[in-house]
Amino acid sequence: MAVQVDQIRATAERVAASHNLELVDLEFQGGVKFRTLRVFVEKNAAERAKLAELAASEAETNLPKGVPVEMLSGVTHEDCAVFAQDFGTVLDVEDLIPGAEYTLEVSSPGLERKLLRPADYIRFQGSLVKLQTFTPVNKNRQWQGRLTKFTDGVLTIDLSAVKQKGKAKKAVTESTVDIALANVEKANLVAEI
């Protein structure tokens, strides 16, 4: 029996929504014996807005200092535990992962989270990013800089925001580079602490 990842993803989104969470990513790895389902969740947009309001107020908070609020997912250990219990129950009842053995891991996407959807690039404009392209842009596939703009499916990266290394140092002839989203193989935020 094959695992239906799309059906698992839809179920994860449904359970996450019931907890004011949003599914960021889902990975299923392993073979017959050692299978792991990793689920990354964060607070939904409304809950992240409340978190931003709290951080903007002068009230004492437990939020980390020096980290932009938008980079925080707002997810607590308790959020992950409750989601894991409910989602695990649904997975087992609906038998979405055939076979008896699998490990369910639930966590926040972290400070150096993957950027997967166009909405991620819009949300994290102004943040440092590291990305790899499918095909070279200016003879380079590895780029790091500040995401300054995302419009019409094109990312604009400010390369002067970080010191370039390796091939990127030679490839930099201008201070910015435009990269089509369709050419991005993988992209992550870079933590600025």
N, C-alpha and C. Protein backbone atom coordinates (compact mmCIF):
# COMPACT_ATOMS: atom_id res chain seq x y z
N MET A 1 0.83 -1.19 0.00
CA MET A 1 0.00 0.00 0.00
C MET A 1 0.87 1.25 0.00
N ALA A 2 0.58 2.15 -0.86
CA ALA A 2 1.35 3.39 -0.97
C ALA A 2 0.76 4.45 -0.05
N VAL A 3 1.63 5.31 0.42
CA VAL A 3 1.20 6.41 1.28
C VAL A 3 0.69 7.55 0.39
N GLN A 4 -0.48 8.05 0.70
CA GLN A 4 -1.11 9.13 -0.05
C GLN A 4 -0.74 10.47 0.59
N VAL A 5 0.41 11.05 0.18
CA VAL A 5 0.93 12.27 0.78
C VAL A 5 -0.04 13.44 0.62
N ASP A 6 -0.70 13.55 -0.52
CA ASP A 6 -1.65 14.65 -0.72
C ASP A 6 -2.82 14.56 0.25
N GLN A 7 -3.29 13.35 0.49
CA GLN A 7 -4.39 13.16 1.43
C GLN A 7 -3.93 13.45 2.86
N ILE A 8 -2.70 13.07 3.19
CA ILE A 8 -2.14 13.36 4.52
C ILE A 8 -1.98 14.86 4.68
N ARG A 9 -1.51 15.54 3.63
CA ARG A 9 -1.33 17.00 3.67
C ARG A 9 -2.69 17.69 3.90
N ALA A 10 -3.71 17.27 3.19
CA ALA A 10 -5.04 17.87 3.35
C ALA A 10 -5.57 17.66 4.77
N THR A 11 -5.33 16.48 5.30
CA THR A 11 -5.76 16.19 6.67
C THR A 11 -4.99 17.04 7.67
N ALA A 12 -3.68 17.19 7.46
CA ALA A 12 -2.86 18.02 8.35
C ALA A 12 -3.34 19.46 8.32
N GLU A 13 -3.68 19.96 7.14
CA GLU A 13 -4.18 21.34 7.02
C GLU A 13 -5.50 21.50 7.78
N ARG A 14 -6.37 20.49 7.68
CA ARG A 14 -7.66 20.54 8.36
C ARG A 14 -7.48 20.54 9.89
N VAL A 15 -6.63 19.65 10.40
CA VAL A 15 -6.39 19.57 11.84
C VAL A 15 -5.69 20.84 12.33
N ALA A 16 -4.72 21.33 11.57
CA ALA A 16 -4.00 22.55 11.96
C ALA A 16 -4.97 23.73 12.06
N ALA A 17 -5.86 23.86 11.10
CA ALA A 17 -6.83 24.97 11.11
C ALA A 17 -7.70 24.94 12.36
N SER A 18 -8.02 23.74 12.84
CA SER A 18 -8.84 23.63 14.05
C SER A 18 -8.10 24.08 15.30
N HIS A 19 -6.78 24.23 15.21
CA HIS A 19 -5.95 24.67 16.34
C HIS A 19 -5.35 26.07 16.11
N ASN A 20 -5.90 26.82 15.16
CA ASN A 20 -5.38 28.15 14.79
C ASN A 20 -3.92 28.06 14.33
N LEU A 21 -3.60 26.97 13.65
CA LEU A 21 -2.27 26.76 13.11
C LEU A 21 -2.36 26.69 11.60
N GLU A 22 -1.20 26.77 10.97
CA GLU A 22 -1.10 26.69 9.51
C GLU A 22 -0.01 25.67 9.17
N LEU A 23 -0.27 24.80 8.24
CA LEU A 23 0.72 23.85 7.79
C LEU A 23 1.75 24.56 6.92
N VAL A 24 3.02 24.44 7.28
CA VAL A 24 4.09 25.06 6.50
C VAL A 24 4.67 24.04 5.52
N ASP A 25 4.97 22.85 6.02
CA ASP A 25 5.56 21.82 5.17
C ASP A 25 5.30 20.47 5.80
N LEU A 26 5.44 19.44 4.97
CA LEU A 26 5.24 18.07 5.41
C LEU A 26 6.21 17.20 4.64
N GLU A 27 6.93 16.32 5.34
CA GLU A 27 7.89 15.42 4.70
C GLU A 27 7.62 14.00 5.18
N PHE A 28 7.63 13.06 4.27
CA PHE A 28 7.50 11.65 4.64
C PHE A 28 8.75 10.94 4.14
N GLN A 29 9.51 10.35 5.07
CA GLN A 29 10.77 9.72 4.71
C GLN A 29 10.83 8.31 5.29
N GLY A 30 11.67 7.52 4.68
CA GLY A 30 11.94 6.19 5.21
C GLY A 30 11.39 5.09 4.34
N GLY A 31 11.76 3.90 4.70
CA GLY A 31 11.33 2.71 3.96
C GLY A 31 10.24 1.97 4.71
N VAL A 32 10.34 0.67 4.71
CA VAL A 32 9.31 -0.16 5.32
C VAL A 32 9.34 -0.08 6.83
N LYS A 33 10.53 -0.12 7.43
CA LYS A 33 10.62 -0.19 8.89
C LYS A 33 10.69 1.17 9.58
N PHE A 34 11.57 2.01 9.15
CA PHE A 34 11.81 3.25 9.86
C PHE A 34 11.24 4.43 9.07
N ARG A 35 9.94 4.65 9.23
CA ARG A 35 9.27 5.72 8.50
C ARG A 35 9.03 6.90 9.44
N THR A 36 9.23 8.10 8.91
CA THR A 36 9.04 9.31 9.70
C THR A 36 8.20 10.30 8.91
N LEU A 37 7.19 10.82 9.58
CA LEU A 37 6.36 11.88 9.02
C LEU A 37 6.69 13.14 9.80
N ARG A 38 7.32 14.12 9.14
CA ARG A 38 7.67 15.40 9.77
C ARG A 38 6.67 16.45 9.32
N VAL A 39 6.11 17.15 10.28
CA VAL A 39 5.12 18.18 10.00
C VAL A 39 5.61 19.47 10.64
N PHE A 40 5.63 20.55 9.84
CA PHE A 40 6.06 21.85 10.32
C PHE A 40 4.84 22.77 10.33
N VAL A 41 4.54 23.35 11.50
CA VAL A 41 3.37 24.21 11.65
C VAL A 41 3.77 25.54 12.27
N GLU A 42 2.94 26.54 12.03
CA GLU A 42 3.09 27.84 12.68
C GLU A 42 1.70 28.38 12.97
N LYS A 43 1.65 29.44 13.78
CA LYS A 43 0.36 30.08 14.04
C LYS A 43 -0.20 30.61 12.73
N ASN A 44 -1.52 30.64 12.61
CA ASN A 44 -2.11 31.19 11.39
C ASN A 44 -1.95 32.70 11.37
N ALA A 45 -2.33 33.34 10.29
CA ALA A 45 -2.09 34.78 10.10
C ALA A 45 -2.71 35.61 11.22
N ALA A 46 -3.91 35.28 11.64
CA ALA A 46 -4.57 36.05 12.70
C ALA A 46 -3.79 35.94 14.01
N GLU A 47 -3.33 34.76 14.34
CA GLU A 47 -2.56 34.56 15.57
C GLU A 47 -1.19 35.22 15.49
N ARG A 48 -0.57 35.22 14.29
CA ARG A 48 0.72 35.91 14.12
C ARG A 48 0.54 37.42 14.27
N ALA A 49 -0.62 37.94 13.82
CA ALA A 49 -0.90 39.37 13.98
C ALA A 49 -1.02 39.73 15.46
N LYS A 50 -1.65 38.87 16.24
CA LYS A 50 -1.75 39.09 17.69
C LYS A 50 -0.36 39.08 18.32
N LEU A 51 0.49 38.17 17.87
CA LEU A 51 1.86 38.08 18.37
C LEU A 51 2.63 39.36 18.04
N ALA A 52 2.44 39.89 16.84
CA ALA A 52 3.10 41.14 16.44
C ALA A 52 2.62 42.30 17.29
N GLU A 53 1.31 42.35 17.59
CA GLU A 53 0.75 43.40 18.45
C GLU A 53 1.36 43.33 19.84
N LEU A 54 1.46 42.12 20.36
CA LEU A 54 2.05 41.92 21.69
C LEU A 54 3.50 42.38 21.71
N ALA A 55 4.24 42.05 20.68
CA ALA A 55 5.65 42.44 20.61
C ALA A 55 5.79 43.96 20.46
N ALA A 56 4.85 44.60 19.77
CA ALA A 56 4.91 46.05 19.55
C ALA A 56 4.57 46.82 20.82
N SER A 57 3.76 46.21 21.68
CA SER A 57 3.41 46.88 22.92
C SER A 57 4.63 46.85 23.85
N GLU A 58 4.61 47.70 24.81
CA GLU A 58 5.75 47.79 25.73
C GLU A 58 5.65 46.75 26.85
N ALA A 59 4.65 45.88 26.79
CA ALA A 59 4.46 44.88 27.84
C ALA A 59 5.61 43.89 27.85
N GLU A 60 5.87 43.34 29.01
CA GLU A 60 6.92 42.32 29.16
C GLU A 60 6.45 41.03 28.47
N THR A 61 7.26 40.50 27.58
CA THR A 61 6.91 39.28 26.87
C THR A 61 8.04 38.27 26.98
N ASN A 62 7.74 37.05 26.64
CA ASN A 62 8.74 35.99 26.62
C ASN A 62 9.34 35.82 25.24
N LEU A 63 9.10 36.78 24.36
CA LEU A 63 9.61 36.69 22.99
C LEU A 63 11.11 36.94 22.98
N PRO A 64 11.84 36.24 22.10
CA PRO A 64 13.29 36.47 22.03
C PRO A 64 13.59 37.89 21.56
N LYS A 65 14.62 38.46 22.12
CA LYS A 65 15.02 39.82 21.76
C LYS A 65 15.90 39.79 20.52
N GLY A 66 15.78 40.80 19.67
CA GLY A 66 16.64 40.92 18.50
C GLY A 66 16.21 40.10 17.30
N VAL A 67 15.07 39.42 17.38
CA VAL A 67 14.57 38.62 16.26
C VAL A 67 13.33 39.31 15.71
N PRO A 68 13.29 39.61 14.41
CA PRO A 68 12.08 40.22 13.86
C PRO A 68 10.87 39.34 14.12
N VAL A 69 9.79 39.96 14.55
CA VAL A 69 8.59 39.21 14.93
C VAL A 69 8.07 38.37 13.78
N GLU A 70 8.19 38.86 12.55
CA GLU A 70 7.67 38.13 11.40
C GLU A 70 8.38 36.79 11.21
N MET A 71 9.61 36.68 11.71
CA MET A 71 10.34 35.42 11.57
C MET A 71 9.91 34.38 12.60
N LEU A 72 9.22 34.83 13.64
CA LEU A 72 8.77 33.89 14.67
C LEU A 72 7.48 33.22 14.22
N SER A 73 7.40 31.94 14.42
CA SER A 73 6.19 31.22 14.01
C SER A 73 5.12 31.29 15.08
N GLY A 74 5.51 31.62 16.31
CA GLY A 74 4.55 31.72 17.39
C GLY A 74 4.13 30.39 17.97
N VAL A 75 4.66 29.30 17.44
CA VAL A 75 4.26 27.97 17.88
C VAL A 75 5.00 27.62 19.16
N THR A 76 4.25 27.10 20.12
CA THR A 76 4.84 26.65 21.38
C THR A 76 4.94 25.13 21.39
N HIS A 77 5.64 24.64 22.37
CA HIS A 77 5.75 23.19 22.54
C HIS A 77 4.37 22.58 22.75
N GLU A 78 3.54 23.28 23.51
CA GLU A 78 2.18 22.79 23.78
C GLU A 78 1.35 22.71 22.49
N ASP A 79 1.50 23.73 21.63
CA ASP A 79 0.79 23.72 20.34
C ASP A 79 1.16 22.47 19.54
N CYS A 80 2.46 22.19 19.49
CA CYS A 80 2.94 21.03 18.73
C CYS A 80 2.42 19.72 19.34
N ALA A 81 2.44 19.64 20.67
CA ALA A 81 1.99 18.42 21.35
C ALA A 81 0.51 18.16 21.11
N VAL A 82 -0.31 19.20 21.23
CA VAL A 82 -1.76 19.04 21.03
C VAL A 82 -2.06 18.68 19.58
N PHE A 83 -1.40 19.38 18.65
CA PHE A 83 -1.60 19.08 17.24
C PHE A 83 -1.17 17.64 16.94
N ALA A 84 -0.01 17.22 17.45
CA ALA A 84 0.50 15.87 17.20
C ALA A 84 -0.47 14.81 17.72
N GLN A 85 -1.04 15.04 18.89
CA GLN A 85 -1.98 14.07 19.45
C GLN A 85 -3.23 13.95 18.56
N ASP A 86 -3.81 15.09 18.19
CA ASP A 86 -5.02 15.07 17.37
C ASP A 86 -4.75 14.54 15.96
N PHE A 87 -3.67 15.02 15.36
CA PHE A 87 -3.33 14.60 14.00
C PHE A 87 -2.97 13.11 13.97
N GLY A 88 -2.21 12.65 14.95
CA GLY A 88 -1.85 11.23 15.03
C GLY A 88 -3.07 10.35 15.16
N THR A 89 -4.05 10.80 15.94
CA THR A 89 -5.29 10.04 16.10
C THR A 89 -6.03 9.94 14.77
N VAL A 90 -6.14 11.07 14.06
CA VAL A 90 -6.83 11.06 12.76
C VAL A 90 -6.09 10.17 11.77
N LEU A 91 -4.76 10.25 11.75
CA LEU A 91 -3.97 9.39 10.85
C LEU A 91 -4.26 7.92 11.11
N ASP A 92 -4.32 7.55 12.37
CA ASP A 92 -4.54 6.15 12.73
C ASP A 92 -5.97 5.70 12.45
N VAL A 93 -6.94 6.55 12.79
CA VAL A 93 -8.35 6.19 12.59
C VAL A 93 -8.66 6.07 11.10
N GLU A 94 -8.16 7.01 10.29
CA GLU A 94 -8.43 6.98 8.86
C GLU A 94 -7.44 6.09 8.11
N ASP A 95 -6.49 5.50 8.82
CA ASP A 95 -5.47 4.61 8.26
C ASP A 95 -4.80 5.22 7.02
N LEU A 96 -4.33 6.47 7.20
CA LEU A 96 -3.70 7.18 6.09
C LEU A 96 -2.26 6.73 5.86
N ILE A 97 -1.65 6.14 6.90
CA ILE A 97 -0.31 5.57 6.75
C ILE A 97 -0.43 4.09 7.03
N PRO A 98 -0.53 3.29 5.96
CA PRO A 98 -0.71 1.85 6.14
C PRO A 98 0.50 1.23 6.84
N GLY A 99 0.24 0.21 7.62
CA GLY A 99 1.31 -0.43 8.37
C GLY A 99 1.30 0.10 9.80
N ALA A 100 1.99 -0.59 10.66
CA ALA A 100 1.90 -0.26 12.08
C ALA A 100 2.91 0.78 12.55
N GLU A 101 4.09 0.80 11.98
CA GLU A 101 5.17 1.60 12.54
C GLU A 101 5.47 2.86 11.73
N TYR A 102 5.41 4.00 12.40
CA TYR A 102 5.91 5.26 11.86
C TYR A 102 6.10 6.21 13.02
N THR A 103 6.94 7.20 12.83
CA THR A 103 7.18 8.22 13.85
C THR A 103 6.63 9.53 13.33
N LEU A 104 5.86 10.21 14.17
CA LEU A 104 5.31 11.52 13.83
C LEU A 104 6.11 12.58 14.58
N GLU A 105 6.70 13.51 13.84
CA GLU A 105 7.44 14.63 14.43
C GLU A 105 6.74 15.92 14.04
N VAL A 106 6.47 16.77 15.02
CA VAL A 106 5.81 18.06 14.77
C VAL A 106 6.67 19.15 15.37
N SER A 107 6.96 20.19 14.58
CA SER A 107 7.76 21.31 15.09
C SER A 107 7.45 22.58 14.33
N SER A 108 8.06 23.66 14.78
CA SER A 108 7.96 24.92 14.05
C SER A 108 8.93 24.85 12.87
N PRO A 109 8.77 25.71 11.88
CA PRO A 109 9.68 25.68 10.74
C PRO A 109 11.07 26.22 11.08
N GLY A 110 11.23 26.91 12.20
CA GLY A 110 12.53 27.40 12.63
C GLY A 110 12.87 28.75 12.01
N LEU A 111 13.96 29.35 12.53
CA LEU A 111 14.37 30.67 12.05
C LEU A 111 14.91 30.62 10.63
N GLU A 112 15.50 29.50 10.25
CA GLU A 112 16.05 29.38 8.89
C GLU A 112 15.13 28.49 8.05
N ARG A 113 13.85 28.81 8.11
CA ARG A 113 12.80 28.05 7.45
C ARG A 113 12.94 28.06 5.94
N LYS A 114 12.35 27.05 5.32
CA LYS A 114 12.29 26.99 3.86
C LYS A 114 11.26 28.01 3.37
N LEU A 115 11.52 28.55 2.20
CA LEU A 115 10.55 29.40 1.52
C LEU A 115 9.98 28.55 0.40
N LEU A 116 8.69 28.26 0.46
CA LEU A 116 8.09 27.31 -0.46
C LEU A 116 7.07 27.91 -1.42
N ARG A 117 6.26 28.83 -0.93
CA ARG A 117 5.16 29.38 -1.73
C ARG A 117 5.42 30.85 -2.03
N PRO A 118 4.78 31.38 -3.07
CA PRO A 118 4.92 32.81 -3.35
C PRO A 118 4.59 33.69 -2.15
N ALA A 119 3.60 33.28 -1.35
CA ALA A 119 3.23 34.05 -0.16
C ALA A 119 4.39 34.16 0.82
N ASP A 120 5.25 33.14 0.88
CA ASP A 120 6.43 33.19 1.76
C ASP A 120 7.38 34.30 1.32
N TYR A 121 7.57 34.44 0.02
CA TYR A 121 8.48 35.46 -0.50
C TYR A 121 7.93 36.86 -0.27
N ILE A 122 6.62 37.00 -0.33
CA ILE A 122 5.99 38.29 -0.06
C ILE A 122 6.13 38.61 1.43
N ARG A 123 5.83 37.64 2.27
CA ARG A 123 5.87 37.83 3.73
C ARG A 123 7.27 38.18 4.23
N PHE A 124 8.28 37.56 3.65
CA PHE A 124 9.63 37.73 4.17
C PHE A 124 10.49 38.71 3.36
N GLN A 125 9.86 39.62 2.63
CA GLN A 125 10.62 40.68 1.96
C GLN A 125 11.36 41.47 3.04
N GLY A 126 12.61 41.78 2.77
CA GLY A 126 13.43 42.49 3.74
C GLY A 126 14.31 41.56 4.56
N SER A 127 14.09 40.26 4.44
CA SER A 127 14.87 39.27 5.20
C SER A 127 16.05 38.77 4.38
N LEU A 128 17.07 38.28 5.09
CA LEU A 128 18.19 37.63 4.41
C LEU A 128 17.76 36.26 3.95
N VAL A 129 18.14 35.90 2.73
CA VAL A 129 17.81 34.59 2.18
C VAL A 129 19.05 33.96 1.55
N LYS A 130 19.01 32.63 1.51
CA LYS A 130 20.03 31.87 0.80
C LYS A 130 19.26 30.97 -0.15
N LEU A 131 19.65 30.99 -1.43
CA LEU A 131 18.91 30.16 -2.38
C LEU A 131 19.82 29.53 -3.42
N GLN A 132 19.27 28.50 -4.01
CA GLN A 132 19.96 27.77 -5.08
C GLN A 132 19.01 27.71 -6.27
N THR A 133 19.55 27.94 -7.46
CA THR A 133 18.72 27.93 -8.66
C THR A 133 18.91 26.64 -9.44
N PHE A 134 17.95 26.31 -10.28
CA PHE A 134 18.06 25.14 -11.16
C PHE A 134 19.12 25.39 -12.23
N THR A 135 19.04 26.56 -12.85
CA THR A 135 20.02 26.92 -13.88
C THR A 135 20.77 28.16 -13.42
N PRO A 136 22.02 28.29 -13.83
CA PRO A 136 22.83 29.43 -13.37
C PRO A 136 22.26 30.78 -13.80
N VAL A 137 22.43 31.75 -12.91
CA VAL A 137 22.12 33.14 -13.18
C VAL A 137 23.45 33.88 -13.01
N ASN A 138 23.91 34.55 -14.05
CA ASN A 138 25.24 35.18 -14.03
C ASN A 138 26.33 34.17 -13.66
N LYS A 139 26.23 32.97 -14.22
CA LYS A 139 27.21 31.89 -14.03
C LYS A 139 27.29 31.38 -12.60
N ASN A 140 26.22 31.54 -11.82
CA ASN A 140 26.22 31.09 -10.44
C ASN A 140 24.85 30.52 -10.08
N ARG A 141 24.85 29.45 -9.28
CA ARG A 141 23.59 28.84 -8.83
C ARG A 141 23.31 29.12 -7.35
N GLN A 142 24.32 29.54 -6.59
CA GLN A 142 24.17 29.79 -5.15
C GLN A 142 24.15 31.29 -4.90
N TRP A 143 23.12 31.77 -4.20
CA TRP A 143 23.00 33.19 -3.94
C TRP A 143 22.61 33.43 -2.49
N GLN A 144 23.14 34.51 -1.92
CA GLN A 144 22.75 34.91 -0.58
C GLN A 144 22.68 36.43 -0.54
N GLY A 145 21.61 36.94 0.04
CA GLY A 145 21.44 38.38 0.13
C GLY A 145 20.10 38.72 0.74
N ARG A 146 19.73 39.98 0.69
CA ARG A 146 18.46 40.43 1.25
C ARG A 146 17.40 40.44 0.16
N LEU A 147 16.28 39.78 0.45
CA LEU A 147 15.15 39.75 -0.48
C LEU A 147 14.48 41.13 -0.41
N THR A 148 14.70 41.93 -1.42
CA THR A 148 14.17 43.30 -1.39
C THR A 148 12.82 43.43 -2.07
N LYS A 149 12.55 42.54 -3.03
CA LYS A 149 11.29 42.68 -3.77
C LYS A 149 10.89 41.33 -4.36
N PHE A 150 9.58 41.11 -4.43
CA PHE A 150 9.04 39.94 -5.12
C PHE A 150 7.80 40.40 -5.87
N THR A 151 7.93 40.54 -7.19
CA THR A 151 6.79 40.94 -8.01
C THR A 151 6.80 40.16 -9.31
N ASP A 152 5.62 39.82 -9.76
CA ASP A 152 5.43 39.11 -11.03
C ASP A 152 6.31 37.87 -11.15
N GLY A 153 6.47 37.14 -10.05
CA GLY A 153 7.23 35.90 -10.07
C GLY A 153 8.74 36.07 -10.15
N VAL A 154 9.24 37.27 -9.85
CA VAL A 154 10.68 37.53 -9.90
C VAL A 154 11.15 38.06 -8.54
N LEU A 155 12.20 37.43 -8.01
CA LEU A 155 12.81 37.86 -6.76
C LEU A 155 13.93 38.84 -7.07
N THR A 156 14.05 39.88 -6.28
CA THR A 156 15.19 40.78 -6.38
C THR A 156 15.98 40.63 -5.09
N ILE A 157 17.25 40.24 -5.24
CA ILE A 157 18.12 39.99 -4.10
C ILE A 157 19.20 41.06 -4.05
N ASP A 158 19.33 41.72 -2.90
CA ASP A 158 20.38 42.72 -2.69
C ASP A 158 21.62 41.97 -2.21
N LEU A 159 22.61 41.89 -3.06
CA LEU A 159 23.81 41.12 -2.76
C LEU A 159 24.77 41.87 -1.84
N SER A 160 24.62 43.18 -1.74
CA SER A 160 25.52 43.96 -0.89
C SER A 160 25.20 43.77 0.60
N ALA A 161 24.11 43.10 0.91
CA ALA A 161 23.71 42.89 2.31
C ALA A 161 24.62 41.89 3.01
N VAL A 162 25.29 41.02 2.26
CA VAL A 162 26.21 40.04 2.84
C VAL A 162 27.47 39.95 2.00
N LYS A 163 28.53 39.53 2.66
CA LYS A 163 29.78 39.34 1.94
C LYS A 163 29.66 38.04 1.14
N GLN A 164 29.84 38.12 -0.15
CA GLN A 164 29.70 36.95 -1.02
C GLN A 164 30.95 36.08 -0.93
N LYS A 165 30.73 34.77 -1.07
CA LYS A 165 31.82 33.80 -0.97
C LYS A 165 31.90 32.97 -2.23
N GLY A 166 33.02 32.34 -2.45
CA GLY A 166 33.21 31.38 -3.54
C GLY A 166 32.91 31.95 -4.90
N LYS A 167 32.19 31.16 -5.71
CA LYS A 167 31.86 31.56 -7.08
C LYS A 167 30.98 32.82 -7.11
N ALA A 168 30.15 32.98 -6.08
CA ALA A 168 29.26 34.14 -6.05
C ALA A 168 30.06 35.43 -6.03
N LYS A 169 31.23 35.41 -5.37
CA LYS A 169 32.08 36.61 -5.30
C LYS A 169 32.50 37.04 -6.70
N LYS A 170 32.84 36.06 -7.55
CA LYS A 170 33.26 36.35 -8.92
C LYS A 170 32.06 36.73 -9.80
N ALA A 171 30.89 36.15 -9.49
CA ALA A 171 29.71 36.38 -10.31
C ALA A 171 29.07 37.74 -10.06
N VAL A 172 29.40 38.34 -8.91
CA VAL A 172 28.77 39.61 -8.56
C VAL A 172 29.41 40.75 -9.34
N THR A 173 28.64 41.28 -10.26
CA THR A 173 29.09 42.47 -11.00
C THR A 173 28.17 43.64 -10.69
N GLU A 174 27.01 43.35 -10.14
CA GLU A 174 26.06 44.38 -9.76
C GLU A 174 25.65 44.15 -8.32
N SER A 175 24.98 45.12 -7.71
CA SER A 175 24.61 44.98 -6.31
C SER A 175 23.32 44.19 -6.11
N THR A 176 22.54 43.97 -7.17
CA THR A 176 21.32 43.18 -7.06
C THR A 176 21.27 42.15 -8.18
N VAL A 177 20.48 41.12 -7.95
CA VAL A 177 20.26 40.11 -8.97
C VAL A 177 18.77 39.78 -8.98
N ASP A 178 18.22 39.62 -10.17
CA ASP A 178 16.82 39.22 -10.33
C ASP A 178 16.79 37.75 -10.69
N ILE A 179 15.98 36.98 -9.96
CA ILE A 179 15.88 35.54 -10.18
C ILE A 179 14.41 35.17 -10.28
N ALA A 180 14.06 34.45 -11.34
CA ALA A 180 12.68 34.01 -11.51
C ALA A 180 12.35 32.94 -10.47
N LEU A 181 11.18 33.03 -9.87
CA LEU A 181 10.77 32.05 -8.87
C LEU A 181 10.78 30.64 -9.45
N ALA A 182 10.42 30.51 -10.71
CA ALA A 182 10.42 29.19 -11.37
C ALA A 182 11.82 28.59 -11.44
N ASN A 183 12.85 29.40 -11.32
CA ASN A 183 14.23 28.92 -11.38
C ASN A 183 14.78 28.60 -9.99
N VAL A 184 14.03 28.86 -8.91
CA VAL A 184 14.51 28.61 -7.56
C VAL A 184 14.31 27.14 -7.20
N GLU A 185 15.42 26.46 -6.98
CA GLU A 185 15.37 25.04 -6.58
C GLU A 185 15.03 24.92 -5.10
N LYS A 186 15.75 25.68 -4.27
CA LYS A 186 15.45 25.72 -2.85
C LYS A 186 15.86 27.07 -2.29
N ALA A 187 15.16 27.49 -1.26
CA ALA A 187 15.44 28.78 -0.63
C ALA A 187 15.13 28.69 0.85
N ASN A 188 15.98 29.35 1.64
CA ASN A 188 15.81 29.39 3.09
C ASN A 188 16.07 30.79 3.58
N LEU A 189 15.44 31.13 4.71
CA LEU A 189 15.79 32.36 5.41
C LEU A 189 17.16 32.16 6.06
N VAL A 190 17.84 33.25 6.32
CA VAL A 190 19.10 33.22 7.07
C VAL A 190 18.84 33.99 8.36
N ALA A 191 19.07 33.35 9.49
CA ALA A 191 18.80 33.98 10.79
C ALA A 191 19.73 35.17 10.99
N GLU A 192 19.16 36.26 11.49
CA GLU A 192 19.93 37.47 11.79
C GLU A 192 19.81 37.73 13.28
N ILE A 193 20.72 37.17 14.02
CA ILE A 193 20.68 37.34 15.48
C ILE A 193 21.94 38.03 15.94
